[in-house]
C-alpha cells in the first residue's frame, strides 16, 4: 500500500466532529431554499434533516439559511410540514 492510500480515510468516517462546517458547499447549488416566515412554525424538522450546517435558528424561533453551506439538495423543502420552504432557481 502506498503512502497516498494510507492517508485516505474509509468512506463515511468523520475524523473530527463538526468538520463539515469547514467546507463551503454553496457554489454547488442550482436551486436555493427560500423560507416564507409567515408559514414557518419553527418546528425545526428542516434542521433535523439538513445534511449540512446550513439551517440556523433565529431568536424568534424561525429559521434562516446559511447559503455558504447550503448545497441546494431540497431535503428541507421536502420535509417541511407547513411547506414554508420553496426551492427557487439560483
PDB file of N, CA and C in Angstrom:
ATOM      1  N   UNK A   1       0.845  -1.173   0.000  1.00  0.00           N
ATOM      2  CA  UNK A   1       0.000   0.000   0.000  1.00  0.00           C
ATOM      3  C   UNK A   1       0.895   1.243   0.000  1.00  0.00           C
ATOM      4  N   UNK A   2       0.588   2.194  -0.845  1.00  0.00           N
ATOM      5  CA  UNK A   2       1.394   3.412  -0.924  1.00  0.00           C
ATOM      6  C   UNK A   2       1.011   4.378   0.194  1.00  0.00           C
ATOM      7  N   UNK A   3       1.845   5.391   0.408  1.00  0.00           N
ATOM      8  CA  UNK A   3       1.562   6.373   1.454  1.00  0.00           C
ATOM      9  C   UNK A   3       0.316   7.189   1.141  1.00  0.00           C
ATOM     10  N   UNK A   4      -0.014   7.348  -0.145  1.00  0.00           N
ATOM     11  CA  UNK A   4      -1.224   8.074  -0.526  1.00  0.00           C
ATOM     12  C   UNK A   4      -2.454   7.285  -0.092  1.00  0.00           C
ATOM     13  N   UNK A   5      -2.436   5.990  -0.298  1.00  0.00           N
ATOM     14  CA  UNK A   5      -3.578   5.156   0.070  1.00  0.00           C
ATOM     15  C   UNK A   5      -3.791   5.124   1.578  1.00  0.00           C
ATOM     16  N   UNK A   6      -2.746   5.128   2.353  1.00  0.00           N
ATOM     17  CA  UNK A   6      -2.890   5.068   3.808  1.00  0.00           C
ATOM     18  C   UNK A   6      -3.403   6.380   4.385  1.00  0.00           C
ATOM     19  N   UNK A   7      -3.256   7.485   3.663  1.00  0.00           N
ATOM     20  CA  UNK A   7      -3.699   8.783   4.155  1.00  0.00           C
ATOM     21  C   UNK A   7      -5.193   9.005   3.937  1.00  0.00           C
ATOM     22  N   UNK A   8      -5.820   8.213   3.100  1.00  0.00           N
ATOM     23  CA  UNK A   8      -7.232   8.384   2.788  1.00  0.00           C
ATOM     24  C   UNK A   8      -8.066   7.580   3.775  1.00  0.00           C
ATOM     25  N   UNK A   9      -8.985   8.258   4.458  1.00  0.00           N
ATOM     26  CA  UNK A   9      -9.861   7.584   5.408  1.00  0.00           C
ATOM     27  C   UNK A   9     -10.941   6.816   4.661  1.00  0.00           C
ATOM     28  N   UNK A  10     -11.410   5.713   5.232  1.00  0.00           N
ATOM     29  CA  UNK A  10     -12.526   4.979   4.620  1.00  0.00           C
ATOM     30  C   UNK A  10     -13.753   5.876   4.516  1.00  0.00           C
ATOM     31  N   UNK A  11     -14.576   5.659   3.508  1.00  0.00           N
ATOM     32  CA  UNK A  11     -15.767   6.469   3.300  1.00  0.00           C
ATOM     33  C   UNK A  11     -16.708   6.433   4.476  1.00  0.00           C
ATOM     34  N   UNK A  12     -17.354   7.535   4.753  1.00  0.00           N
ATOM     35  CA  UNK A  12     -18.349   7.624   5.793  1.00  0.00           C
ATOM     36  C   UNK A  12     -17.805   7.857   7.193  1.00  0.00           C
ATOM     37  N   UNK A  13     -16.507   7.999   7.342  1.00  0.00           N
ATOM     38  CA  UNK A  13     -15.937   8.227   8.665  1.00  0.00           C
ATOM     39  C   UNK A  13     -15.651   9.711   8.844  1.00  0.00           C
ATOM     40  N   UNK A  14     -16.202  10.267   9.895  1.00  0.00           N
ATOM     41  CA  UNK A  14     -15.945  11.664  10.236  1.00  0.00           C
ATOM     42  C   UNK A  14     -14.804  11.654  11.236  1.00  0.00           C
ATOM     43  N   UNK A  15     -13.658  12.186  10.833  1.00  0.00           N
ATOM     44  CA  UNK A  15     -12.477  12.131  11.683  1.00  0.00           C
ATOM     45  C   UNK A  15     -12.494  13.184  12.790  1.00  0.00           C
ATOM     46  N   UNK A  16     -13.286  14.229  12.599  1.00  0.00           N
ATOM     47  CA  UNK A  16     -13.330  15.314  13.579  1.00  0.00           C
ATOM     48  C   UNK A  16     -14.756  15.862  13.607  1.00  0.00           C
ATOM     49  N   UNK A  17     -15.440  15.763  14.749  1.00  0.00           N
ATOM     50  CA  UNK A  17     -16.818  16.270  14.833  1.00  0.00           C
ATOM     51  C   UNK A  17     -16.909  17.735  14.412  1.00  0.00           C
ATOM     52  N   UNK A  18     -17.966  18.066  13.668  1.00  0.00           N
ATOM     53  CA  UNK A  18     -18.176  19.441  13.228  1.00  0.00           C
ATOM     54  C   UNK A  18     -17.369  19.833  12.017  1.00  0.00           C
ATOM     55  N   UNK A  19     -16.649  18.888  11.417  1.00  0.00           N
ATOM     56  CA  UNK A  19     -15.753  19.227  10.311  1.00  0.00           C
ATOM     57  C   UNK A  19     -16.485  19.652   9.042  1.00  0.00           C
ATOM     58  N   UNK A  20     -17.762  19.312   8.894  1.00  0.00           N
ATOM     59  CA  UNK A  20     -18.469  19.746   7.686  1.00  0.00           C
ATOM     60  C   UNK A  20     -18.622  21.257   7.629  1.00  0.00           C
ATOM     61  N   UNK A  21     -18.559  21.922   8.759  1.00  0.00           N
ATOM     62  CA  UNK A  21     -18.658  23.388   8.784  1.00  0.00           C
ATOM     63  C   UNK A  21     -17.455  24.037   8.111  1.00  0.00           C
ATOM     64  N   UNK A  22     -16.364  23.274   7.971  1.00  0.00           N
ATOM     65  CA  UNK A  22     -15.158  23.806   7.326  1.00  0.00           C
ATOM     66  C   UNK A  22     -15.284  23.875   5.807  1.00  0.00           C
ATOM     67  N   UNK A  23     -16.247  23.170   5.230  1.00  0.00           N
ATOM     68  CA  UNK A  23     -16.376  23.082   3.781  1.00  0.00           C
ATOM     69  C   UNK A  23     -17.560  23.896   3.302  1.00  0.00           C
ATOM     70  N   UNK A  24     -17.284  24.936   2.548  1.00  0.00           N
ATOM     71  CA  UNK A  24     -18.344  25.777   1.999  1.00  0.00           C
ATOM     72  C   UNK A  24     -18.792  25.165   0.681  1.00  0.00           C
ATOM     73  N   UNK A  25     -20.042  24.700   0.659  1.00  0.00           N
ATOM     74  CA  UNK A  25     -20.563  23.965  -0.492  1.00  0.00           C
ATOM     75  C   UNK A  25     -21.619  24.749  -1.266  1.00  0.00           C
ATOM     76  N   UNK A  26     -21.787  26.018  -0.937  1.00  0.00           N
ATOM     77  CA  UNK A  26     -22.839  26.821  -1.559  1.00  0.00           C
ATOM     78  C   UNK A  26     -22.715  26.998  -3.059  1.00  0.00           C
ATOM     79  N   UNK A  27     -21.518  26.865  -3.592  1.00  0.00           N
ATOM     80  CA  UNK A  27     -21.343  27.032  -5.040  1.00  0.00           C
ATOM     81  C   UNK A  27     -21.828  25.824  -5.828  1.00  0.00           C
ATOM     82  N   UNK A  28     -22.206  24.759  -5.160  1.00  0.00           N
ATOM     83  CA  UNK A  28     -22.704  23.558  -5.835  1.00  0.00           C
ATOM     84  C   UNK A  28     -24.154  23.725  -6.291  1.00  0.00           C
ATOM     85  N   UNK A  29     -24.860  24.695  -5.730  1.00  0.00           N
ATOM     86  CA  UNK A  29     -26.306  24.820  -5.913  1.00  0.00           C
ATOM     87  C   UNK A  29     -26.722  25.188  -7.328  1.00  0.00           C
ATOM     88  N   UNK A  30     -27.883  24.649  -7.691  1.00  0.00           N
ATOM     89  CA  UNK A  30     -28.614  25.083  -8.878  1.00  0.00           C
ATOM     90  C   UNK A  30     -29.886  25.803  -8.415  1.00  0.00           C
ATOM     91  N   UNK A  31     -30.445  25.314  -7.309  1.00  0.00           N
ATOM     92  CA  UNK A  31     -31.613  25.942  -6.676  1.00  0.00           C
ATOM     93  C   UNK A  31     -31.264  26.230  -5.227  1.00  0.00           C
ATOM     94  N   UNK A  32     -31.914  27.247  -4.661  1.00  0.00           N
ATOM     95  CA  UNK A  32     -31.683  27.578  -3.259  1.00  0.00           C
ATOM     96  C   UNK A  32     -33.019  27.600  -2.519  1.00  0.00           C
ATOM     97  N   UNK A  33     -32.992  27.238  -1.236  1.00  0.00           N
ATOM     98  CA  UNK A  33     -34.231  27.275  -0.462  1.00  0.00           C
ATOM     99  C   UNK A  33     -34.546  28.694   0.002  1.00  0.00           C
ATOM    100  N   UNK A  34     -35.819  29.002   0.008  1.00  0.00           N
ATOM    101  CA  UNK A  34     -36.309  30.292   0.500  1.00  0.00           C
ATOM    102  C   UNK A  34     -37.462  29.985   1.447  1.00  0.00           C
ATOM    103  N   UNK A  35     -37.432  30.597   2.628  1.00  0.00           N
ATOM    104  CA  UNK A  35     -38.472  30.329   3.624  1.00  0.00           C
ATOM    105  C   UNK A  35     -39.500  31.462   3.649  1.00  0.00           C
ATOM    106  N   UNK A  36     -40.760  31.075   3.708  1.00  0.00           N
ATOM    107  CA  UNK A  36     -41.852  32.022   3.911  1.00  0.00           C
ATOM    108  C   UNK A  36     -42.064  32.081   5.421  1.00  0.00           C
ATOM    109  N   UNK A  37     -41.572  33.140   6.055  1.00  0.00           N
ATOM    110  CA  UNK A  37     -41.628  33.242   7.509  1.00  0.00           C
ATOM    111  C   UNK A  37     -43.050  33.298   8.057  1.00  0.00           C
ATOM    112  N   UNK A  38     -44.020  33.649   7.229  1.00  0.00           N
ATOM    113  CA  UNK A  38     -45.417  33.649   7.665  1.00  0.00           C
ATOM    114  C   UNK A  38     -45.946  32.228   7.831  1.00  0.00           C
ATOM    115  N   UNK A  39     -45.373  31.272   7.089  1.00  0.00           N
ATOM    116  CA  UNK A  39     -45.787  29.872   7.178  1.00  0.00           C
ATOM    117  C   UNK A  39     -44.932  29.069   8.155  1.00  0.00           C
ATOM    118  N   UNK A  40     -43.697  29.510   8.392  1.00  0.00           N
ATOM    119  CA  UNK A  40     -42.758  28.771   9.242  1.00  0.00           C
ATOM    120  C   UNK A  40     -43.280  28.701  10.676  1.00  0.00           C
ATOM    121  N   UNK A  41     -43.342  27.485  11.230  1.00  0.00           N
ATOM    122  CA  UNK A  41     -43.809  27.291  12.606  1.00  0.00           C
ATOM    123  C   UNK A  41     -42.651  27.142  13.590  1.00  0.00           C
ATOM    124  N   UNK A  42     -41.433  27.083  13.079  1.00  0.00           N
ATOM    125  CA  UNK A  42     -40.268  26.903  13.942  1.00  0.00           C
ATOM    126  C   UNK A  42     -40.113  25.483  14.463  1.00  0.00           C
ATOM    127  N   UNK A  43     -40.677  24.515  13.768  1.00  0.00           N
ATOM    128  CA  UNK A  43     -40.628  23.118  14.217  1.00  0.00           C
ATOM    129  C   UNK A  43     -39.230  22.500  14.105  1.00  0.00           C
ATOM    130  N   UNK A  44     -38.386  23.073  13.240  1.00  0.00           N
ATOM    131  CA  UNK A  44     -37.000  22.641  13.010  1.00  0.00           C
ATOM    132  C   UNK A  44     -36.866  21.255  12.390  1.00  0.00           C
ATOM    133  N   UNK A  45     -37.934  20.733  11.789  1.00  0.00           N
ATOM    134  CA  UNK A  45     -37.820  19.471  11.054  1.00  0.00           C
ATOM    135  C   UNK A  45     -36.798  19.634   9.926  1.00  0.00           C
ATOM    136  N   UNK A  46     -36.788  20.780   9.285  1.00  0.00           N
ATOM    137  CA  UNK A  46     -35.813  21.052   8.217  1.00  0.00           C
ATOM    138  C   UNK A  46     -34.381  20.959   8.750  1.00  0.00           C
ATOM    139  N   UNK A  47     -34.163  21.501   9.941  1.00  0.00           N
ATOM    140  CA  UNK A  47     -32.840  21.485  10.565  1.00  0.00           C
ATOM    141  C   UNK A  47     -32.388  20.055  10.861  1.00  0.00           C
ATOM    142  N   UNK A  48     -33.322  19.228  11.317  1.00  0.00           N
ATOM    143  CA  UNK A  48     -33.007  17.830  11.626  1.00  0.00           C
ATOM    144  C   UNK A  48     -32.541  17.093  10.372  1.00  0.00           C
ATOM    145  N   UNK A  49     -33.207  17.315   9.248  1.00  0.00           N
ATOM    146  CA  UNK A  49     -32.901  16.582   8.021  1.00  0.00           C
ATOM    147  C   UNK A  49     -31.775  17.185   7.189  1.00  0.00           C
ATOM    148  N   UNK A  50     -31.423  18.432   7.422  1.00  0.00           N
ATOM    149  CA  UNK A  50     -30.384  19.087   6.619  1.00  0.00           C
ATOM    150  C   UNK A  50     -29.045  18.372   6.800  1.00  0.00           C
ATOM    151  N   UNK A  51     -28.413  17.927   5.697  1.00  0.00           N
ATOM    152  CA  UNK A  51     -27.141  17.204   5.821  1.00  0.00           C
ATOM    153  C   UNK A  51     -25.939  18.107   6.052  1.00  0.00           C
ATOM    154  N   UNK A  52     -26.122  19.391   6.017  1.00  0.00           N
ATOM    155  CA  UNK A  52     -25.037  20.353   6.214  1.00  0.00           C
ATOM    156  C   UNK A  52     -25.411  21.330   7.326  1.00  0.00           C
ATOM    157  N   UNK A  53     -24.464  22.117   7.801  1.00  0.00           N
ATOM    158  CA  UNK A  53     -24.814  23.130   8.810  1.00  0.00           C
ATOM    159  C   UNK A  53     -25.376  24.382   8.142  1.00  0.00           C
ATOM    160  N   UNK A  54     -26.462  24.211   7.378  1.00  0.00           N
ATOM    161  CA  UNK A  54     -26.959  25.297   6.537  1.00  0.00           C
ATOM    162  C   UNK A  54     -28.248  25.935   7.039  1.00  0.00           C
ATOM    163  N   UNK A  55     -28.849  25.386   8.083  1.00  0.00           N
ATOM    164  CA  UNK A  55     -30.076  25.964   8.620  1.00  0.00           C
ATOM    165  C   UNK A  55     -29.788  26.461  10.028  1.00  0.00           C
ATOM    166  N   UNK A  56     -30.110  27.711  10.240  1.00  0.00           N
ATOM    167  CA  UNK A  56     -29.843  28.352  11.527  1.00  0.00           C
ATOM    168  C   UNK A  56     -31.159  28.766  12.170  1.00  0.00           C
ATOM    169  N   UNK A  57     -31.240  28.615  13.487  1.00  0.00           N
ATOM    170  CA  UNK A  57     -32.428  29.039  14.217  1.00  0.00           C
ATOM    171  C   UNK A  57     -32.256  30.492  14.639  1.00  0.00           C
ATOM    172  N   UNK A  58     -33.252  31.310  14.322  1.00  0.00           N
ATOM    173  CA  UNK A  58     -33.230  32.716  14.707  1.00  0.00           C
ATOM    174  C   UNK A  58     -33.736  32.865  16.137  1.00  0.00           C
ATOM    175  N   UNK A  59     -33.548  34.033  16.713  1.00  0.00           N
ATOM    176  CA  UNK A  59     -34.008  34.295  18.086  1.00  0.00           C
ATOM    177  C   UNK A  59     -35.523  34.180  18.226  1.00  0.00           C
ATOM    178  N   UNK A  60     -36.253  34.446  17.142  1.00  0.00           N
ATOM    179  CA  UNK A  60     -37.715  34.356  17.201  1.00  0.00           C
ATOM    180  C   UNK A  60     -38.218  32.927  16.989  1.00  0.00           C
ATOM    181  N   UNK A  61     -37.302  31.958  16.882  1.00  0.00           N
ATOM    182  CA  UNK A  61     -37.681  30.557  16.719  1.00  0.00           C
ATOM    183  C   UNK A  61     -37.817  30.106  15.283  1.00  0.00           C
ATOM    184  N   UNK A  62     -37.814  31.033  14.351  1.00  0.00           N
ATOM    185  CA  UNK A  62     -37.913  30.698  12.924  1.00  0.00           C
ATOM    186  C   UNK A  62     -36.518  30.353  12.401  1.00  0.00           C
ATOM    187  N   UNK A  63     -36.424  30.022  11.133  1.00  0.00           N
ATOM    188  CA  UNK A  63     -35.143  29.616  10.553  1.00  0.00           C
ATOM    189  C   UNK A  63     -34.647  30.594   9.505  1.00  0.00           C
ATOM    190  N   UNK A  64     -33.365  30.509   9.242  1.00  0.00           N
ATOM    191  CA  UNK A  64     -32.763  31.206   8.104  1.00  0.00           C
ATOM    192  C   UNK A  64     -31.704  30.272   7.538  1.00  0.00           C
ATOM    193  N   UNK A  65     -31.242  30.563   6.345  1.00  0.00           N
ATOM    194  CA  UNK A  65     -30.279  29.689   5.670  1.00  0.00           C
ATOM    195  C   UNK A  65     -28.895  30.306   5.639  1.00  0.00           C
ATOM    196  N   UNK A  66     -27.913  29.471   5.803  1.00  0.00           N
ATOM    197  CA  UNK A  66     -26.509  29.829   5.605  1.00  0.00           C
ATOM    198  C   UNK A  66     -26.178  29.357   4.194  1.00  0.00           C
ATOM    199  N   UNK A  67     -26.254  30.266   3.240  1.00  0.00           N
ATOM    200  CA  UNK A  67     -26.088  29.888   1.841  1.00  0.00           C
ATOM    201  C   UNK A  67     -24.654  29.508   1.477  1.00  0.00           C
ATOM    202  N   UNK A  68     -23.689  29.786   2.332  1.00  0.00           N
ATOM    203  CA  UNK A  68     -22.319  29.332   2.068  1.00  0.00           C
ATOM    204  C   UNK A  68     -22.200  27.820   2.247  1.00  0.00           C
ATOM    205  N   UNK A  69     -23.092  27.226   3.031  1.00  0.00           N
ATOM    206  CA  UNK A  69     -23.037  25.793   3.287  1.00  0.00           C
ATOM    207  C   UNK A  69     -24.177  25.013   2.629  1.00  0.00           C
ATOM    208  N   UNK A  70     -25.183  25.690   2.136  1.00  0.00           N
ATOM    209  CA  UNK A  70     -26.326  25.028   1.510  1.00  0.00           C
ATOM    210  C   UNK A  70     -25.957  24.527   0.125  1.00  0.00           C
ATOM    211  N   UNK A  71     -26.157  23.215  -0.108  1.00  0.00           N
ATOM    212  CA  UNK A  71     -25.870  22.606  -1.405  1.00  0.00           C
ATOM    213  C   UNK A  71     -27.071  22.669  -2.346  1.00  0.00           C
ATOM    214  N   UNK A  72     -28.227  23.047  -1.828  1.00  0.00           N
ATOM    215  CA  UNK A  72     -29.419  23.116  -2.661  1.00  0.00           C
ATOM    216  C   UNK A  72     -30.059  21.768  -2.904  1.00  0.00           C
ATOM    217  N   UNK A  73     -29.886  20.837  -1.977  1.00  0.00           N
ATOM    218  CA  UNK A  73     -30.406  19.478  -2.165  1.00  0.00           C
ATOM    219  C   UNK A  73     -31.931  19.422  -2.113  1.00  0.00           C
ATOM    220  N   UNK A  74     -32.567  20.354  -1.406  1.00  0.00           N
ATOM    221  CA  UNK A  74     -34.024  20.406  -1.347  1.00  0.00           C
ATOM    222  C   UNK A  74     -34.661  19.519  -0.292  1.00  0.00           C
ATOM    223  N   UNK A  75     -33.855  18.835   0.519  1.00  0.00           N
ATOM    224  CA  UNK A  75     -34.415  17.980   1.562  1.00  0.00           C
ATOM    225  C   UNK A  75     -35.262  18.810   2.531  1.00  0.00           C
ATOM    226  N   UNK A  76     -34.784  19.999   2.878  1.00  0.00           N
ATOM    227  CA  UNK A  76     -35.533  20.861   3.802  1.00  0.00           C
ATOM    228  C   UNK A  76     -36.922  21.163   3.259  1.00  0.00           C
ATOM    229  N   UNK A  77     -37.001  21.448   1.987  1.00  0.00           N
ATOM    230  CA  UNK A  77     -38.275  21.769   1.350  1.00  0.00           C
ATOM    231  C   UNK A  77     -39.215  20.566   1.345  1.00  0.00           C
ATOM    232  N   UNK A  78     -38.672  19.396   1.078  1.00  0.00           N
ATOM    233  CA  UNK A  78     -39.475  18.171   1.052  1.00  0.00           C
ATOM    234  C   UNK A  78     -40.002  17.805   2.438  1.00  0.00           C
ATOM    235  N   UNK A  79     -39.208  18.036   3.476  1.00  0.00           N
ATOM    236  CA  UNK A  79     -39.559  17.614   4.829  1.00  0.00           C
ATOM    237  C   UNK A  79     -40.353  18.648   5.622  1.00  0.00           C
ATOM    238  N   UNK A  80     -40.433  19.865   5.152  1.00  0.00           N
ATOM    239  CA  UNK A  80     -41.110  20.949   5.878  1.00  0.00           C
ATOM    240  C   UNK A  80     -42.617  20.680   5.969  1.00  0.00           C
ATOM    241  N   UNK A  81     -43.149  20.395   7.180  1.00  0.00           N
ATOM    242  CA  UNK A  81     -44.585  20.086   7.306  1.00  0.00           C
ATOM    243  C   UNK A  81     -45.521  21.194   6.812  1.00  0.00           C
ATOM    244  N   UNK A  82     -45.281  22.480   7.144  1.00  0.00           N
ATOM    245  CA  UNK A  82     -46.198  23.511   6.653  1.00  0.00           C
ATOM    246  C   UNK A  82     -45.888  24.003   5.236  1.00  0.00           C
ATOM    247  N   UNK A  83     -44.888  23.370   4.592  1.00  0.00           N
ATOM    248  CA  UNK A  83     -44.493  23.753   3.229  1.00  0.00           C
ATOM    249  C   UNK A  83     -44.095  25.232   3.165  1.00  0.00           C
ATOM    250  N   UNK A  84     -43.310  25.664   4.166  1.00  0.00           N
ATOM    251  CA  UNK A  84     -42.854  27.051   4.239  1.00  0.00           C
ATOM    252  C   UNK A  84     -41.586  27.276   3.425  1.00  0.00           C
ATOM    253  N   UNK A  85     -40.943  26.199   2.957  1.00  0.00           N
ATOM    254  CA  UNK A  85     -39.685  26.329   2.219  1.00  0.00           C
ATOM    255  C   UNK A  85     -39.920  25.937   0.772  1.00  0.00           C
ATOM    256  N   UNK A  86     -39.525  26.820  -0.130  1.00  0.00           N
ATOM    257  CA  UNK A  86     -39.611  26.512  -1.560  1.00  0.00           C
ATOM    258  C   UNK A  86     -38.216  26.620  -2.164  1.00  0.00           C
ATOM    259  N   UNK A  87     -38.003  25.894  -3.232  1.00  0.00           N
ATOM    260  CA  UNK A  87     -36.728  25.907  -3.927  1.00  0.00           C
ATOM    261  C   UNK A  87     -36.875  26.796  -5.164  1.00  0.00           C
ATOM    262  N   UNK A  88     -35.983  27.772  -5.284  1.00  0.00           N
ATOM    263  CA  UNK A  88     -36.018  28.701  -6.421  1.00  0.00           C
ATOM    264  C   UNK A  88     -34.713  28.611  -7.200  1.00  0.00           C
ATOM    265  N   UNK A  89     -34.792  28.912  -8.472  1.00  0.00           N
ATOM    266  CA  UNK A  89     -33.589  28.894  -9.323  1.00  0.00           C
ATOM    267  C   UNK A  89     -32.556  29.857  -8.787  1.00  0.00           C
ATOM    268  N   UNK A  90     -31.310  29.440  -8.805  1.00  0.00           N
ATOM    269  CA  UNK A  90     -30.201  30.263  -8.335  1.00  0.00           C
ATOM    270  C   UNK A  90     -29.961  31.403  -9.300  1.00  0.00           C
TER     271      UNK A  90
END
